[in-house]
Amino acid sequence: MKIRLSLLGGAVLCLGLAGCSHVAPLSQAEACANGLNRGFAELQDAKAKGFSGSVSWIKAAGLLSAAKIQQQLNRYPSCINKTQRAREFIRRADMGL
């Protein structure tokens, strides 16, 4: 009886873990979404200030577009990396670099 219960418990545990293996940690998904929201808002602010033609602004726009694709593919670490890099380029655009 104990063997059956332990086998059943092990099977349930394996199924539970397998069912959740494709789900990213909520914090990474949220960090990606938050980074995209902030990044696109900062990009629009920089555009309103007249920095939309700068090389840094263009790089930031490309990175944010790529980050959005990474988000759709559930590749959250890559999305987070790209949004952080994009926001740095936006800061550089604001400084005129």
N, C-alpha and C. Protein backbone atom coordinates (compact mmCIF):
# COMPACT_ATOMS: atom_id res chain seq x y z
N MET A 1 0.82 -1.19 0.00
CA MET A 1 0.00 0.00 0.00
C MET A 1 0.87 1.25 0.00
N LYS A 2 1.94 1.24 0.82
CA LYS A 2 2.82 2.40 0.89
C LYS A 2 3.52 2.63 -0.45
N ILE A 3 3.88 1.54 -1.11
CA ILE A 3 4.57 1.66 -2.40
C ILE A 3 3.64 2.30 -3.43
N ARG A 4 2.39 1.89 -3.44
CA ARG A 4 1.43 2.46 -4.40
C ARG A 4 1.24 3.95 -4.14
N LEU A 5 1.13 4.33 -2.88
CA LEU A 5 0.95 5.75 -2.56
C LEU A 5 2.17 6.57 -2.96
N SER A 6 3.36 6.03 -2.72
CA SER A 6 4.55 6.78 -3.08
C SER A 6 4.70 6.88 -4.59
N LEU A 7 4.34 5.81 -5.31
CA LEU A 7 4.38 5.86 -6.78
C LEU A 7 3.36 6.85 -7.31
N LEU A 8 2.17 6.83 -6.72
CA LEU A 8 1.12 7.76 -7.14
C LEU A 8 1.54 9.20 -6.84
N GLY A 9 2.10 9.41 -5.67
CA GLY A 9 2.57 10.75 -5.32
C GLY A 9 3.68 11.22 -6.24
N GLY A 10 4.60 10.32 -6.57
CA GLY A 10 5.68 10.66 -7.50
C GLY A 10 5.17 10.99 -8.88
N ALA A 11 4.17 10.23 -9.34
CA ALA A 11 3.59 10.49 -10.66
C ALA A 11 2.89 11.84 -10.69
N VAL A 12 2.15 12.15 -9.64
CA VAL A 12 1.45 13.44 -9.57
C VAL A 12 2.47 14.58 -9.55
N LEU A 13 3.53 14.43 -8.79
CA LEU A 13 4.56 15.45 -8.73
C LEU A 13 5.21 15.67 -10.09
N CYS A 14 5.54 14.59 -10.78
CA CYS A 14 6.15 14.70 -12.11
C CYS A 14 5.22 15.39 -13.10
N LEU A 15 3.96 15.02 -13.08
CA LEU A 15 2.99 15.64 -13.98
C LEU A 15 2.83 17.13 -13.67
N GLY A 16 2.81 17.44 -12.40
CA GLY A 16 2.69 18.85 -12.01
C GLY A 16 3.87 19.67 -12.46
N LEU A 17 5.06 19.12 -12.29
CA LEU A 17 6.26 19.84 -12.72
C LEU A 17 6.34 19.95 -14.23
N ALA A 18 5.97 18.91 -14.93
CA ALA A 18 6.00 18.93 -16.39
C ALA A 18 5.00 19.93 -16.94
N GLY A 19 3.86 20.03 -16.31
CA GLY A 19 2.83 20.96 -16.77
C GLY A 19 3.22 22.41 -16.58
N CYS A 20 4.07 22.70 -15.63
CA CYS A 20 4.47 24.08 -15.35
C CYS A 20 5.84 24.43 -15.91
N SER A 21 6.49 23.51 -16.57
CA SER A 21 7.86 23.76 -17.01
C SER A 21 7.95 24.85 -18.06
N HIS A 22 6.91 25.08 -18.84
CA HIS A 22 6.95 26.09 -19.89
C HIS A 22 6.59 27.48 -19.38
N VAL A 23 6.13 27.59 -18.14
CA VAL A 23 5.71 28.86 -17.60
C VAL A 23 6.91 29.55 -16.96
N ALA A 24 7.20 30.76 -17.43
CA ALA A 24 8.32 31.52 -16.88
C ALA A 24 7.93 32.07 -15.51
N PRO A 25 8.92 32.30 -14.67
CA PRO A 25 8.62 32.93 -13.39
C PRO A 25 7.90 34.26 -13.63
N LEU A 26 6.90 34.50 -12.84
CA LEU A 26 6.08 35.69 -13.04
C LEU A 26 6.92 36.96 -12.97
N SER A 27 7.93 36.98 -12.13
CA SER A 27 8.74 38.18 -11.99
C SER A 27 9.47 38.52 -13.29
N GLN A 28 9.94 37.53 -14.03
CA GLN A 28 10.61 37.81 -15.31
C GLN A 28 9.63 38.33 -16.34
N ALA A 29 8.45 37.75 -16.41
CA ALA A 29 7.44 38.21 -17.35
C ALA A 29 7.03 39.64 -17.03
N GLU A 30 6.86 39.92 -15.75
CA GLU A 30 6.49 41.28 -15.33
C GLU A 30 7.62 42.26 -15.60
N ALA A 31 8.86 41.86 -15.34
CA ALA A 31 10.00 42.75 -15.58
C ALA A 31 10.12 43.08 -17.06
N CYS A 32 9.87 42.10 -17.90
CA CYS A 32 9.89 42.32 -19.35
C CYS A 32 8.81 43.31 -19.74
N ALA A 33 7.58 43.08 -19.29
CA ALA A 33 6.46 43.96 -19.64
C ALA A 33 6.68 45.37 -19.11
N ASN A 34 7.16 45.47 -17.87
CA ASN A 34 7.42 46.79 -17.29
C ASN A 34 8.52 47.52 -18.05
N GLY A 35 9.57 46.80 -18.40
CA GLY A 35 10.67 47.40 -19.16
C GLY A 35 10.21 47.90 -20.52
N LEU A 36 9.35 47.12 -21.18
CA LEU A 36 8.81 47.55 -22.47
C LEU A 36 7.94 48.80 -22.32
N ASN A 37 7.08 48.80 -21.31
CA ASN A 37 6.21 49.96 -21.09
C ASN A 37 7.03 51.22 -20.82
N ARG A 38 7.99 51.11 -19.93
CA ARG A 38 8.83 52.27 -19.61
C ARG A 38 9.67 52.68 -20.81
N GLY A 39 10.23 51.69 -21.49
CA GLY A 39 11.09 51.98 -22.63
C GLY A 39 10.35 52.71 -23.74
N PHE A 40 9.16 52.22 -24.09
CA PHE A 40 8.40 52.89 -25.15
C PHE A 40 7.94 54.28 -24.71
N ALA A 41 7.61 54.46 -23.43
CA ALA A 41 7.23 55.79 -22.93
C ALA A 41 8.42 56.75 -23.00
N GLU A 42 9.60 56.27 -22.58
CA GLU A 42 10.80 57.10 -22.64
C GLU A 42 11.18 57.40 -24.09
N LEU A 43 10.97 56.45 -24.97
CA LEU A 43 11.26 56.65 -26.39
C LEU A 43 10.37 57.76 -26.96
N GLN A 44 9.10 57.74 -26.59
CA GLN A 44 8.18 58.79 -27.06
C GLN A 44 8.56 60.15 -26.49
N ASP A 45 8.98 60.19 -25.22
CA ASP A 45 9.43 61.45 -24.61
C ASP A 45 10.65 62.00 -25.35
N ALA A 46 11.58 61.12 -25.66
CA ALA A 46 12.79 61.55 -26.38
C ALA A 46 12.41 62.05 -27.78
N LYS A 47 11.45 61.40 -28.39
CA LYS A 47 10.99 61.84 -29.72
C LYS A 47 10.36 63.22 -29.63
N ALA A 48 9.57 63.45 -28.58
CA ALA A 48 8.93 64.75 -28.39
C ALA A 48 9.97 65.86 -28.16
N LYS A 49 11.10 65.49 -27.58
CA LYS A 49 12.18 66.46 -27.35
C LYS A 49 13.02 66.69 -28.59
N GLY A 50 12.76 65.94 -29.65
CA GLY A 50 13.48 66.14 -30.90
C GLY A 50 14.69 65.26 -31.09
N PHE A 51 14.80 64.19 -30.31
CA PHE A 51 15.96 63.31 -30.42
C PHE A 51 15.71 62.09 -31.31
N SER A 52 14.60 62.07 -32.04
CA SER A 52 14.23 60.87 -32.79
C SER A 52 15.16 60.56 -33.96
N GLY A 53 15.98 61.51 -34.36
CA GLY A 53 16.90 61.25 -35.47
C GLY A 53 18.28 60.81 -35.03
N SER A 54 18.52 60.80 -33.73
CA SER A 54 19.86 60.45 -33.25
C SER A 54 20.11 58.95 -33.38
N VAL A 55 21.37 58.61 -33.49
CA VAL A 55 21.75 57.20 -33.61
C VAL A 55 21.32 56.42 -32.37
N SER A 56 21.49 57.01 -31.19
CA SER A 56 21.09 56.34 -29.95
C SER A 56 19.60 56.06 -29.92
N TRP A 57 18.80 57.01 -30.38
CA TRP A 57 17.34 56.83 -30.39
C TRP A 57 16.96 55.70 -31.34
N ILE A 58 17.59 55.66 -32.50
CA ILE A 58 17.29 54.62 -33.49
C ILE A 58 17.69 53.24 -32.96
N LYS A 59 18.84 53.16 -32.29
CA LYS A 59 19.25 51.88 -31.69
C LYS A 59 18.25 51.44 -30.62
N ALA A 60 17.80 52.39 -29.81
CA ALA A 60 16.84 52.08 -28.76
C ALA A 60 15.53 51.57 -29.35
N ALA A 61 15.07 52.21 -30.42
CA ALA A 61 13.82 51.78 -31.07
C ALA A 61 13.95 50.35 -31.59
N GLY A 62 15.09 50.03 -32.18
CA GLY A 62 15.32 48.68 -32.68
C GLY A 62 15.37 47.65 -31.57
N LEU A 63 16.03 48.00 -30.47
CA LEU A 63 16.12 47.08 -29.34
C LEU A 63 14.75 46.84 -28.71
N LEU A 64 13.94 47.89 -28.59
CA LEU A 64 12.61 47.71 -28.01
C LEU A 64 11.72 46.86 -28.91
N SER A 65 11.86 47.02 -30.21
CA SER A 65 11.10 46.18 -31.13
C SER A 65 11.52 44.71 -31.00
N ALA A 66 12.83 44.49 -30.89
CA ALA A 66 13.34 43.12 -30.71
C ALA A 66 12.90 42.55 -29.37
N ALA A 67 12.87 43.39 -28.33
CA ALA A 67 12.43 42.94 -27.01
C ALA A 67 10.97 42.52 -27.04
N LYS A 68 10.16 43.24 -27.79
CA LYS A 68 8.74 42.89 -27.91
C LYS A 68 8.58 41.50 -28.54
N ILE A 69 9.40 41.21 -29.53
CA ILE A 69 9.37 39.88 -30.15
C ILE A 69 9.80 38.82 -29.15
N GLN A 70 10.84 39.11 -28.37
CA GLN A 70 11.30 38.16 -27.36
C GLN A 70 10.20 37.89 -26.33
N GLN A 71 9.45 38.93 -25.98
CA GLN A 71 8.34 38.77 -25.04
C GLN A 71 7.29 37.81 -25.61
N GLN A 72 6.98 37.98 -26.88
CA GLN A 72 5.97 37.13 -27.51
C GLN A 72 6.43 35.68 -27.60
N LEU A 73 7.74 35.46 -27.63
CA LEU A 73 8.30 34.11 -27.67
C LEU A 73 8.58 33.55 -26.28
N ASN A 74 8.19 34.30 -25.24
CA ASN A 74 8.42 33.93 -23.84
C ASN A 74 9.90 33.81 -23.51
N ARG A 75 10.73 34.56 -24.16
CA ARG A 75 12.17 34.59 -23.86
C ARG A 75 12.43 35.83 -23.01
N TYR A 76 11.99 35.75 -21.78
CA TYR A 76 11.98 36.91 -20.90
C TYR A 76 13.37 37.44 -20.54
N PRO A 77 14.36 36.59 -20.25
CA PRO A 77 15.68 37.15 -19.95
C PRO A 77 16.24 37.99 -21.10
N SER A 78 16.03 37.54 -22.33
CA SER A 78 16.49 38.30 -23.49
C SER A 78 15.70 39.60 -23.62
N CYS A 79 14.41 39.55 -23.36
CA CYS A 79 13.58 40.75 -23.40
C CYS A 79 14.06 41.77 -22.38
N ILE A 80 14.33 41.32 -21.17
CA ILE A 80 14.79 42.21 -20.10
C ILE A 80 16.11 42.85 -20.49
N ASN A 81 17.03 42.05 -21.01
CA ASN A 81 18.33 42.55 -21.44
C ASN A 81 18.17 43.64 -22.50
N LYS A 82 17.33 43.39 -23.48
CA LYS A 82 17.14 44.35 -24.57
C LYS A 82 16.48 45.64 -24.08
N THR A 83 15.52 45.54 -23.17
CA THR A 83 14.88 46.75 -22.67
C THR A 83 15.86 47.58 -21.85
N GLN A 84 16.71 46.93 -21.07
CA GLN A 84 17.71 47.66 -20.30
C GLN A 84 18.69 48.38 -21.21
N ARG A 85 19.14 47.70 -22.25
CA ARG A 85 20.06 48.31 -23.20
C ARG A 85 19.39 49.46 -23.95
N ALA A 86 18.13 49.26 -24.33
CA ALA A 86 17.40 50.31 -25.04
C ALA A 86 17.25 51.56 -24.18
N ARG A 87 16.92 51.37 -22.91
CA ARG A 87 16.74 52.52 -22.02
C ARG A 87 18.05 53.27 -21.82
N GLU A 88 19.16 52.56 -21.84
CA GLU A 88 20.47 53.22 -21.76
C GLU A 88 20.71 54.07 -23.01
N PHE A 89 20.36 53.56 -24.17
CA PHE A 89 20.50 54.34 -25.40
C PHE A 89 19.59 55.57 -25.38
N ILE A 90 18.41 55.44 -24.80
CA ILE A 90 17.50 56.59 -24.70
C ILE A 90 18.12 57.66 -23.80
N ARG A 91 18.73 57.24 -22.69
CA ARG A 91 19.40 58.20 -21.80
C ARG A 91 20.53 58.91 -22.55
N ARG A 92 21.26 58.16 -23.36
CA ARG A 92 22.33 58.76 -24.16
C ARG A 92 21.77 59.75 -25.17
N ALA A 93 20.63 59.42 -25.77
CA ALA A 93 20.01 60.34 -26.73
C ALA A 93 19.60 61.63 -26.03
N ASP A 94 19.07 61.52 -24.81
CA ASP A 94 18.69 62.71 -24.06
C ASP A 94 19.89 63.58 -23.72
N MET A 95 21.04 62.94 -23.54
CA MET A 95 22.27 63.69 -23.24
C MET A 95 22.94 64.20 -24.50
N GLY A 96 22.42 63.82 -25.66
CA GLY A 96 22.99 64.28 -26.91
C GLY A 96 24.17 63.46 -27.39
N LEU A 97 24.31 62.25 -26.90
CA LEU A 97 25.43 61.39 -27.31
C LEU A 97 25.06 60.52 -28.47
